[in-house]
Amino acid sequence: MEMEQLRQSEASVSSSEGATEKQRRYQIVREALAIVRLEGQDPGQHVKKVYARYIEGDIDWAECANQITHAAILDLKEQLNELNYRYQS
């Protein structure tokens, strides 16, 4: 999920009681992604999907953190496969 999709998640927040929680979760993810990008990394699609599940309230922060590790590994494997394909000799 790209930042545009994260913005869409924010936009879909209604004015109900759950809106405040969803906005809080969105802000947490936004800050987490900003920190990652300051470190020179760009989260892959698997990581963004986990964050999207967290924003929607499907998982809590502890589960999100656990799944992020696995998602990041999947993203790195995909990047490695792409590089191997691109630079085959």
PDB file of N, CA and C in Angstrom:
ATOM      1  N   MET A   1       0.843  -1.167   0.000  1.00  0.00           N
ATOM      2  CA  MET A   1       0.000   0.000   0.000  1.00  0.00           C
ATOM      3  C   MET A   1       0.893   1.236   0.000  1.00  0.00           C
ATOM      4  N   GLU A   2       0.641   2.116  -0.920  1.00  0.00           N
ATOM      5  CA  GLU A   2       1.427   3.331  -1.038  1.00  0.00           C
ATOM      6  C   GLU A   2       0.811   4.420  -0.160  1.00  0.00           C
ATOM      7  N   MET A   3       1.521   5.523  -0.011  1.00  0.00           N
ATOM      8  CA  MET A   3       1.020   6.610   0.830  1.00  0.00           C
ATOM      9  C   MET A   3      -0.341   7.096   0.343  1.00  0.00           C
ATOM     10  N   GLU A   4      -0.580   7.058  -0.966  1.00  0.00           N
ATOM     11  CA  GLU A   4      -1.882   7.475  -1.483  1.00  0.00           C
ATOM     12  C   GLU A   4      -2.984   6.600  -0.900  1.00  0.00           C
ATOM     13  N   GLN A   5      -2.723   5.310  -0.813  1.00  0.00           N
ATOM     14  CA  GLN A   5      -3.710   4.408  -0.230  1.00  0.00           C
ATOM     15  C   GLN A   5      -3.877   4.679   1.261  1.00  0.00           C
ATOM     16  N   LEU A   6      -2.796   5.038   1.931  1.00  0.00           N
ATOM     17  CA  LEU A   6      -2.894   5.402   3.338  1.00  0.00           C
ATOM     18  C   LEU A   6      -3.752   6.657   3.487  1.00  0.00           C
ATOM     19  N   ARG A   7      -3.581   7.592   2.563  1.00  0.00           N
ATOM     20  CA  ARG A   7      -4.405   8.803   2.604  1.00  0.00           C
ATOM     21  C   ARG A   7      -5.875   8.456   2.379  1.00  0.00           C
ATOM     22  N   GLN A   8      -6.118   7.487   1.490  1.00  0.00           N
ATOM     23  CA  GLN A   8      -7.499   7.060   1.248  1.00  0.00           C
ATOM     24  C   GLN A   8      -8.091   6.450   2.507  1.00  0.00           C
ATOM     25  N   SER A   9      -7.269   5.694   3.237  1.00  0.00           N
ATOM     26  CA  SER A   9      -7.735   5.132   4.501  1.00  0.00           C
ATOM     27  C   SER A   9      -8.118   6.247   5.458  1.00  0.00           C
ATOM     28  N   GLU A  10      -7.306   7.288   5.502  1.00  0.00           N
ATOM     29  CA  GLU A  10      -7.601   8.427   6.371  1.00  0.00           C
ATOM     30  C   GLU A  10      -8.899   9.094   5.922  1.00  0.00           C
ATOM     31  N   ALA A  11      -9.061   9.240   4.609  1.00  0.00           N
ATOM     32  CA  ALA A  11     -10.251   9.904   4.088  1.00  0.00           C
ATOM     33  C   ALA A  11     -11.512   9.106   4.357  1.00  0.00           C
ATOM     34  N   SER A  12     -11.366   7.785   4.460  1.00  0.00           N
ATOM     35  CA  SER A  12     -12.542   6.941   4.675  1.00  0.00           C
ATOM     36  C   SER A  12     -12.989   6.935   6.131  1.00  0.00           C
ATOM     37  N   VAL A  13     -12.218   7.579   6.992  1.00  0.00           N
ATOM     38  CA  VAL A  13     -12.570   7.634   8.403  1.00  0.00           C
ATOM     39  C   VAL A  13     -13.858   8.436   8.547  1.00  0.00           C
ATOM     40  N   SER A  14     -14.832   7.837   9.194  1.00  0.00           N
ATOM     41  CA  SER A  14     -16.110   8.535   9.376  1.00  0.00           C
ATOM     42  C   SER A  14     -16.064   9.377  10.648  1.00  0.00           C
ATOM     43  N   SER A  15     -17.136  10.070  10.918  1.00  0.00           N
ATOM     44  CA  SER A  15     -17.184  10.913  12.109  1.00  0.00           C
ATOM     45  C   SER A  15     -17.719  10.143  13.317  1.00  0.00           C
ATOM     46  N   SER A  16     -17.754   8.826  13.230  1.00  0.00           N
ATOM     47  CA  SER A  16     -18.243   8.008  14.341  1.00  0.00           C
ATOM     48  C   SER A  16     -17.182   7.893  15.430  1.00  0.00           C
ATOM     49  N   GLU A  17     -17.526   7.188  16.513  1.00  0.00           N
ATOM     50  CA  GLU A  17     -16.578   6.996  17.622  1.00  0.00           C
ATOM     51  C   GLU A  17     -15.303   6.322  17.153  1.00  0.00           C
ATOM     52  N   GLY A  18     -15.412   5.378  16.228  1.00  0.00           N
ATOM     53  CA  GLY A  18     -14.240   4.663  15.730  1.00  0.00           C
ATOM     54  C   GLY A  18     -13.300   5.526  14.925  1.00  0.00           C
ATOM     55  N   ALA A  19     -13.771   6.677  14.487  1.00  0.00           N
ATOM     56  CA  ALA A  19     -12.940   7.548  13.667  1.00  0.00           C
ATOM     57  C   ALA A  19     -11.697   7.997  14.420  1.00  0.00           C
ATOM     58  N   THR A  20     -11.839   8.346  15.667  1.00  0.00           N
ATOM     59  CA  THR A  20     -10.703   8.805  16.439  1.00  0.00           C
ATOM     60  C   THR A  20      -9.631   7.729  16.529  1.00  0.00           C
ATOM     61  N   GLU A  21     -10.024   6.501  16.782  1.00  0.00           N
ATOM     62  CA  GLU A  21      -9.069   5.393  16.864  1.00  0.00           C
ATOM     63  C   GLU A  21      -8.399   5.155  15.517  1.00  0.00           C
ATOM     64  N   LYS A  22      -9.176   5.203  14.454  1.00  0.00           N
ATOM     65  CA  LYS A  22      -8.613   4.981  13.128  1.00  0.00           C
ATOM     66  C   LYS A  22      -7.654   6.105  12.764  1.00  0.00           C
ATOM     67  N   GLN A  23      -7.982   7.325  13.122  1.00  0.00           N
ATOM     68  CA  GLN A  23      -7.086   8.450  12.864  1.00  0.00           C
ATOM     69  C   GLN A  23      -5.793   8.303  13.657  1.00  0.00           C
ATOM     70  N   ARG A  24      -5.912   7.849  14.894  1.00  0.00           N
ATOM     71  CA  ARG A  24      -4.722   7.632  15.735  1.00  0.00           C
ATOM     72  C   ARG A  24      -3.824   6.573  15.103  1.00  0.00           C
ATOM     73  N   ARG A  25      -4.425   5.495  14.641  1.00  0.00           N
ATOM     74  CA  ARG A  25      -3.659   4.427  14.008  1.00  0.00           C
ATOM     75  C   ARG A  25      -2.998   4.917  12.724  1.00  0.00           C
ATOM     76  N   TYR A  26      -3.738   5.690  11.946  1.00  0.00           N
ATOM     77  CA  TYR A  26      -3.181   6.250  10.707  1.00  0.00           C
ATOM     78  C   TYR A  26      -1.959   7.107  11.018  1.00  0.00           C
ATOM     79  N   GLN A  27      -2.062   7.934  12.048  1.00  0.00           N
ATOM     80  CA  GLN A  27      -0.947   8.812  12.415  1.00  0.00           C
ATOM     81  C   GLN A  27       0.270   8.000  12.857  1.00  0.00           C
ATOM     82  N   ILE A  28       0.049   6.943  13.612  1.00  0.00           N
ATOM     83  CA  ILE A  28       1.154   6.071  14.035  1.00  0.00           C
ATOM     84  C   ILE A  28       1.868   5.487  12.823  1.00  0.00           C
ATOM     85  N   VAL A  29       1.105   5.001  11.869  1.00  0.00           N
ATOM     86  CA  VAL A  29       1.690   4.405  10.656  1.00  0.00           C
ATOM     87  C   VAL A  29       2.416   5.466   9.843  1.00  0.00           C
ATOM     88  N   ARG A  30       1.813   6.608   9.721  1.00  0.00           N
ATOM     89  CA  ARG A  30       2.440   7.698   8.967  1.00  0.00           C
ATOM     90  C   ARG A  30       3.799   8.059   9.562  1.00  0.00           C
ATOM     91  N   GLU A  31       3.866   8.149  10.880  1.00  0.00           N
ATOM     92  CA  GLU A  31       5.130   8.464  11.544  1.00  0.00           C
ATOM     93  C   GLU A  31       6.138   7.330  11.395  1.00  0.00           C
ATOM     94  N   ALA A  32       5.667   6.091  11.481  1.00  0.00           N
ATOM     95  CA  ALA A  32       6.565   4.942  11.311  1.00  0.00           C
ATOM     96  C   ALA A  32       7.167   4.938   9.906  1.00  0.00           C
ATOM     97  N   LEU A  33       6.341   5.196   8.897  1.00  0.00           N
ATOM     98  CA  LEU A  33       6.841   5.231   7.523  1.00  0.00           C
ATOM     99  C   LEU A  33       7.807   6.388   7.309  1.00  0.00           C
ATOM    100  N   ALA A  34       7.550   7.514   7.953  1.00  0.00           N
ATOM    101  CA  ALA A  34       8.455   8.658   7.837  1.00  0.00           C
ATOM    102  C   ALA A  34       9.829   8.326   8.408  1.00  0.00           C
ATOM    103  N   ILE A  35       9.851   7.649   9.533  1.00  0.00           N
ATOM    104  CA  ILE A  35      11.124   7.256  10.149  1.00  0.00           C
ATOM    105  C   ILE A  35      11.883   6.301   9.236  1.00  0.00           C
ATOM    106  N   VAL A  36      11.181   5.338   8.692  1.00  0.00           N
ATOM    107  CA  VAL A  36      11.814   4.369   7.786  1.00  0.00           C
ATOM    108  C   VAL A  36      12.401   5.086   6.575  1.00  0.00           C
ATOM    109  N   ARG A  37      11.657   6.019   6.046  1.00  0.00           N
ATOM    110  CA  ARG A  37      12.144   6.750   4.865  1.00  0.00           C
ATOM    111  C   ARG A  37      13.324   7.661   5.209  1.00  0.00           C
ATOM    112  N   LEU A  38      13.341   8.224   6.410  1.00  0.00           N
ATOM    113  CA  LEU A  38      14.490   9.031   6.834  1.00  0.00           C
ATOM    114  C   LEU A  38      15.750   8.184   6.911  1.00  0.00           C
ATOM    115  N   GLU A  39      15.575   6.898   7.173  1.00  0.00           N
ATOM    116  CA  GLU A  39      16.706   5.973   7.226  1.00  0.00           C
ATOM    117  C   GLU A  39      17.117   5.504   5.839  1.00  0.00           C
ATOM    118  N   GLY A  40      16.467   6.045   4.805  1.00  0.00           N
ATOM    119  CA  GLY A  40      16.848   5.721   3.437  1.00  0.00           C
ATOM    120  C   GLY A  40      16.204   4.467   2.874  1.00  0.00           C
ATOM    121  N   GLN A  41      15.175   3.990   3.514  1.00  0.00           N
ATOM    122  CA  GLN A  41      14.502   2.784   3.044  1.00  0.00           C
ATOM    123  C   GLN A  41      13.115   3.141   2.538  1.00  0.00           C
ATOM    124  N   ASP A  42      12.587   2.276   1.689  1.00  0.00           N
ATOM    125  CA  ASP A  42      11.231   2.461   1.197  1.00  0.00           C
ATOM    126  C   ASP A  42      10.470   1.166   1.454  1.00  0.00           C
ATOM    127  N   PRO A  43       9.448   1.216   2.285  1.00  0.00           N
ATOM    128  CA  PRO A  43       8.706  -0.001   2.596  1.00  0.00           C
ATOM    129  C   PRO A  43       8.071  -0.595   1.346  1.00  0.00           C
ATOM    130  N   GLY A  44       8.089  -1.913   1.273  1.00  0.00           N
ATOM    131  CA  GLY A  44       7.508  -2.608   0.136  1.00  0.00           C
ATOM    132  C   GLY A  44       6.019  -2.840   0.319  1.00  0.00           C
ATOM    133  N   GLN A  45       5.434  -3.477  -0.680  1.00  0.00           N
ATOM    134  CA  GLN A  45       3.987  -3.679  -0.694  1.00  0.00           C
ATOM    135  C   GLN A  45       3.494  -4.557   0.451  1.00  0.00           C
ATOM    136  N   HIS A  46       4.271  -5.539   0.856  1.00  0.00           N
ATOM    137  CA  HIS A  46       3.833  -6.424   1.946  1.00  0.00           C
ATOM    138  C   HIS A  46       3.772  -5.670   3.278  1.00  0.00           C
ATOM    139  N   VAL A  47       4.773  -4.840   3.515  1.00  0.00           N
ATOM    140  CA  VAL A  47       4.805  -4.036   4.740  1.00  0.00           C
ATOM    141  C   VAL A  47       3.619  -3.076   4.758  1.00  0.00           C
ATOM    142  N   LYS A  48       3.362  -2.428   3.649  1.00  0.00           N
ATOM    143  CA  LYS A  48       2.260  -1.468   3.566  1.00  0.00           C
ATOM    144  C   LYS A  48       0.910  -2.149   3.770  1.00  0.00           C
ATOM    145  N   LYS A  49       0.785  -3.374   3.303  1.00  0.00           N
ATOM    146  CA  LYS A  49      -0.471  -4.115   3.499  1.00  0.00           C
ATOM    147  C   LYS A  49      -0.699  -4.416   4.978  1.00  0.00           C
ATOM    148  N   VAL A  50       0.366  -4.747   5.690  1.00  0.00           N
ATOM    149  CA  VAL A  50       0.239  -4.996   7.135  1.00  0.00           C
ATOM    150  C   VAL A  50      -0.186  -3.714   7.840  1.00  0.00           C
ATOM    151  N   TYR A  51       0.451  -2.605   7.482  1.00  0.00           N
ATOM    152  CA  TYR A  51       0.064  -1.327   8.090  1.00  0.00           C
ATOM    153  C   TYR A  51      -1.394  -0.995   7.794  1.00  0.00           C
ATOM    154  N   ALA A  52      -1.839  -1.301   6.593  1.00  0.00           N
ATOM    155  CA  ALA A  52      -3.241  -1.038   6.239  1.00  0.00           C
ATOM    156  C   ALA A  52      -4.183  -1.850   7.127  1.00  0.00           C
ATOM    157  N   ARG A  53      -3.825  -3.095   7.401  1.00  0.00           N
ATOM    158  CA  ARG A  53      -4.644  -3.931   8.288  1.00  0.00           C
ATOM    159  C   ARG A  53      -4.682  -3.339   9.693  1.00  0.00           C
ATOM    160  N   TYR A  54      -3.547  -2.793  10.136  1.00  0.00           N
ATOM    161  CA  TYR A  54      -3.501  -2.156  11.451  1.00  0.00           C
ATOM    162  C   TYR A  54      -4.418  -0.924  11.484  1.00  0.00           C
ATOM    163  N   ILE A  55      -4.322  -0.092  10.454  1.00  0.00           N
ATOM    164  CA  ILE A  55      -5.154   1.113  10.389  1.00  0.00           C
ATOM    165  C   ILE A  55      -6.633   0.745  10.440  1.00  0.00           C
ATOM    166  N   GLU A  56      -7.000  -0.295   9.738  1.00  0.00           N
ATOM    167  CA  GLU A  56      -8.405  -0.704   9.685  1.00  0.00           C
ATOM    168  C   GLU A  56      -8.875  -1.346  10.992  1.00  0.00           C
ATOM    169  N   GLY A  57      -7.928  -1.672  11.878  1.00  0.00           N
ATOM    170  CA  GLY A  57      -8.302  -2.269  13.153  1.00  0.00           C
ATOM    171  C   GLY A  57      -8.399  -3.778  13.108  1.00  0.00           C
ATOM    172  N   ASP A  58      -7.931  -4.384  12.011  1.00  0.00           N
ATOM    173  CA  ASP A  58      -7.967  -5.844  11.881  1.00  0.00           C
ATOM    174  C   ASP A  58      -6.972  -6.533  12.816  1.00  0.00           C
ATOM    175  N   ILE A  59      -5.873  -5.829  13.128  1.00  0.00           N
ATOM    176  CA  ILE A  59      -4.844  -6.363  14.022  1.00  0.00           C
ATOM    177  C   ILE A  59      -4.428  -5.268  14.988  1.00  0.00           C
ATOM    178  N   ASP A  60      -3.884  -5.667  16.143  1.00  0.00           N
ATOM    179  CA  ASP A  60      -3.393  -4.673  17.095  1.00  0.00           C
ATOM    180  C   ASP A  60      -1.922  -4.377  16.809  1.00  0.00           C
ATOM    181  N   TRP A  61      -1.337  -3.434  17.579  1.00  0.00           N
ATOM    182  CA  TRP A  61       0.032  -3.012  17.304  1.00  0.00           C
ATOM    183  C   TRP A  61       1.035  -4.154  17.501  1.00  0.00           C
ATOM    184  N   ALA A  62       0.845  -4.971  18.508  1.00  0.00           N
ATOM    185  CA  ALA A  62       1.778  -6.084  18.754  1.00  0.00           C
ATOM    186  C   ALA A  62       1.784  -7.043  17.566  1.00  0.00           C
ATOM    187  N   GLU A  63       0.607  -7.367  17.057  1.00  0.00           N
ATOM    188  CA  GLU A  63       0.522  -8.257  15.897  1.00  0.00           C
ATOM    189  C   GLU A  63       1.082  -7.574  14.650  1.00  0.00           C
ATOM    190  N   CYS A  64       0.838  -6.293  14.521  1.00  0.00           N
ATOM    191  CA  CYS A  64       1.382  -5.531  13.399  1.00  0.00           C
ATOM    192  C   CYS A  64       2.910  -5.596  13.401  1.00  0.00           C
ATOM    193  N   ALA A  65       3.496  -5.333  14.553  1.00  0.00           N
ATOM    194  CA  ALA A  65       4.955  -5.366  14.663  1.00  0.00           C
ATOM    195  C   ALA A  65       5.503  -6.745  14.319  1.00  0.00           C
ATOM    196  N   ASN A  66       4.814  -7.784  14.758  1.00  0.00           N
ATOM    197  CA  ASN A  66       5.238  -9.155  14.454  1.00  0.00           C
ATOM    198  C   ASN A  66       5.146  -9.429  12.952  1.00  0.00           C
ATOM    199  N   GLN A  67       4.056  -9.015  12.338  1.00  0.00           N
ATOM    200  CA  GLN A  67       3.855  -9.270  10.914  1.00  0.00           C
ATOM    201  C   GLN A  67       4.764  -8.414  10.033  1.00  0.00           C
ATOM    202  N   ILE A  68       5.148  -7.240  10.526  1.00  0.00           N
ATOM    203  CA  ILE A  68       6.027  -6.361   9.750  1.00  0.00           C
ATOM    204  C   ILE A  68       7.359  -7.055   9.473  1.00  0.00           C
ATOM    205  N   THR A  69       7.885  -7.761  10.446  1.00  0.00           N
ATOM    206  CA  THR A  69       9.152  -8.469  10.253  1.00  0.00           C
ATOM    207  C   THR A  69       9.043  -9.448   9.095  1.00  0.00           C
ATOM    208  N   HIS A  70       8.002 -10.247   9.094  1.00  0.00           N
ATOM    209  CA  HIS A  70       7.810 -11.239   8.028  1.00  0.00           C
ATOM    210  C   HIS A  70       7.539 -10.561   6.689  1.00  0.00           C
ATOM    211  N   ALA A  71       6.756  -9.493   6.720  1.00  0.00           N
ATOM    212  CA  ALA A  71       6.440  -8.768   5.487  1.00  0.00           C
ATOM    213  C   ALA A  71       7.699  -8.123   4.899  1.00  0.00           C
ATOM    214  N   ALA A  72       8.548  -7.577   5.741  1.00  0.00           N
ATOM    215  CA  ALA A  72       9.783  -6.954   5.265  1.00  0.00           C
ATOM    216  C   ALA A  72      10.694  -7.990   4.618  1.00  0.00           C
ATOM    217  N   ILE A  73      10.738  -9.180   5.191  1.00  0.00           N
ATOM    218  CA  ILE A  73      11.545 -10.255   4.599  1.00  0.00           C
ATOM    219  C   ILE A  73      11.009 -10.617   3.221  1.00  0.00           C
ATOM    220  N   LEU A  74       9.695 -10.725   3.089  1.00  0.00           N
ATOM    221  CA  LEU A  74       9.096 -11.008   1.774  1.00  0.00           C
ATOM    222  C   LEU A  74       9.430  -9.911   0.767  1.00  0.00           C
ATOM    223  N   ASP A  75       9.338  -8.656   1.210  1.00  0.00           N
ATOM    224  CA  ASP A  75       9.662  -7.541   0.318  1.00  0.00           C
ATOM    225  C   ASP A  75      11.123  -7.602  -0.125  1.00  0.00           C
ATOM    226  N   LEU A  76      12.019  -7.902   0.806  1.00  0.00           N
ATOM    227  CA  LEU A  76      13.439  -7.990   0.456  1.00  0.00           C
ATOM    228  C   LEU A  76      13.712  -9.141  -0.505  1.00  0.00           C
ATOM    229  N   LYS A  77      13.047 -10.265  -0.307  1.00  0.00           N
ATOM    230  CA  LYS A  77      13.211 -11.397  -1.230  1.00  0.00           C
ATOM    231  C   LYS A  77      12.743 -11.027  -2.630  1.00  0.00           C
ATOM    232  N   GLU A  78      11.638 -10.306  -2.712  1.00  0.00           N
ATOM    233  CA  GLU A  78      11.147  -9.874  -4.020  1.00  0.00           C
ATOM    234  C   GLU A  78      12.125  -8.902  -4.675  1.00  0.00           C
ATOM    235  N   GLN A  79      12.685  -7.996  -3.889  1.00  0.00           N
ATOM    236  CA  GLN A  79      13.670  -7.058  -4.426  1.00  0.00           C
ATOM    237  C   GLN A  79      14.904  -7.797  -4.921  1.00  0.00           C
ATOM    238  N   LEU A  80      15.348  -8.792  -4.164  1.00  0.00           N
ATOM    239  CA  LEU A  80      16.510  -9.582  -4.555  1.00  0.00           C
ATOM    240  C   LEU A  80      16.235 -10.335  -5.850  1.00  0.00           C
ATOM    241  N   ASN A  81      15.064 -10.951  -5.953  1.00  0.00           N
ATOM    242  CA  ASN A  81      14.711 -11.662  -7.183  1.00  0.00           C
ATOM    243  C   ASN A  81      14.682 -10.715  -8.380  1.00  0.00           C
ATOM    244  N   GLU A  82      14.144  -9.516  -8.156  1.00  0.00           N
ATOM    245  CA  GLU A  82      14.090  -8.528  -9.231  1.00  0.00           C
ATOM    246  C   GLU A  82      15.494  -8.122  -9.670  1.00  0.00           C
ATOM    247  N   LEU A  83      16.381  -7.902  -8.707  1.00  0.00           N
ATOM    248  CA  LEU A  83      17.757  -7.534  -9.042  1.00  0.00           C
ATOM    249  C   LEU A  83      18.481  -8.678  -9.738  1.00  0.00           C
ATOM    250  N   ASN A  84      18.270  -9.894  -9.262  1.00  0.00           N
ATOM    251  CA  ASN A  84      18.899 -11.048  -9.915  1.00  0.00           C
ATOM    252  C   ASN A  84      18.446 -11.173 -11.358  1.00  0.00           C
ATOM    253  N   TYR A  85      17.166 -10.964 -11.598  1.00  0.00           N
ATOM    254  CA  TYR A  85      16.625 -11.039 -12.950  1.00  0.00           C
ATOM    255  C   TYR A  85      17.201  -9.929 -13.819  1.00  0.00           C
ATOM    256  N   ARG A  86      17.236  -8.723 -13.265  1.00  0.00           N
ATOM    257  CA  ARG A  86      17.699  -7.551 -14.017  1.00  0.00           C
ATOM    258  C   ARG A  86      19.177  -7.645 -14.390  1.00  0.00           C
ATOM    259  N   TYR A  87      19.985  -8.213 -13.500  1.00  0.00           N
ATOM    260  CA  TYR A  87      21.429  -8.201 -13.713  1.00  0.00           C
ATOM    261  C   TYR A  87      22.014  -9.580 -13.955  1.00  0.00           C
ATOM    262  N   GLN A  88      21.204 -10.462 -14.514  1.00  0.00           N
ATOM    263  CA  GLN A  88      21.740 -11.782 -14.856  1.00  0.00           C
ATOM    264  C   GLN A  88      22.835 -11.635 -15.905  1.00  0.00           C
ATOM    265  N   SER A  89      23.868 -12.466 -15.751  1.00  0.00           N
ATOM    266  CA  SER A  89      24.957 -12.396 -16.738  1.00  0.00           C
ATOM    267  C   SER A  89      24.899 -13.541 -17.693  1.00  0.00           C
TER     268      SER A  89
END
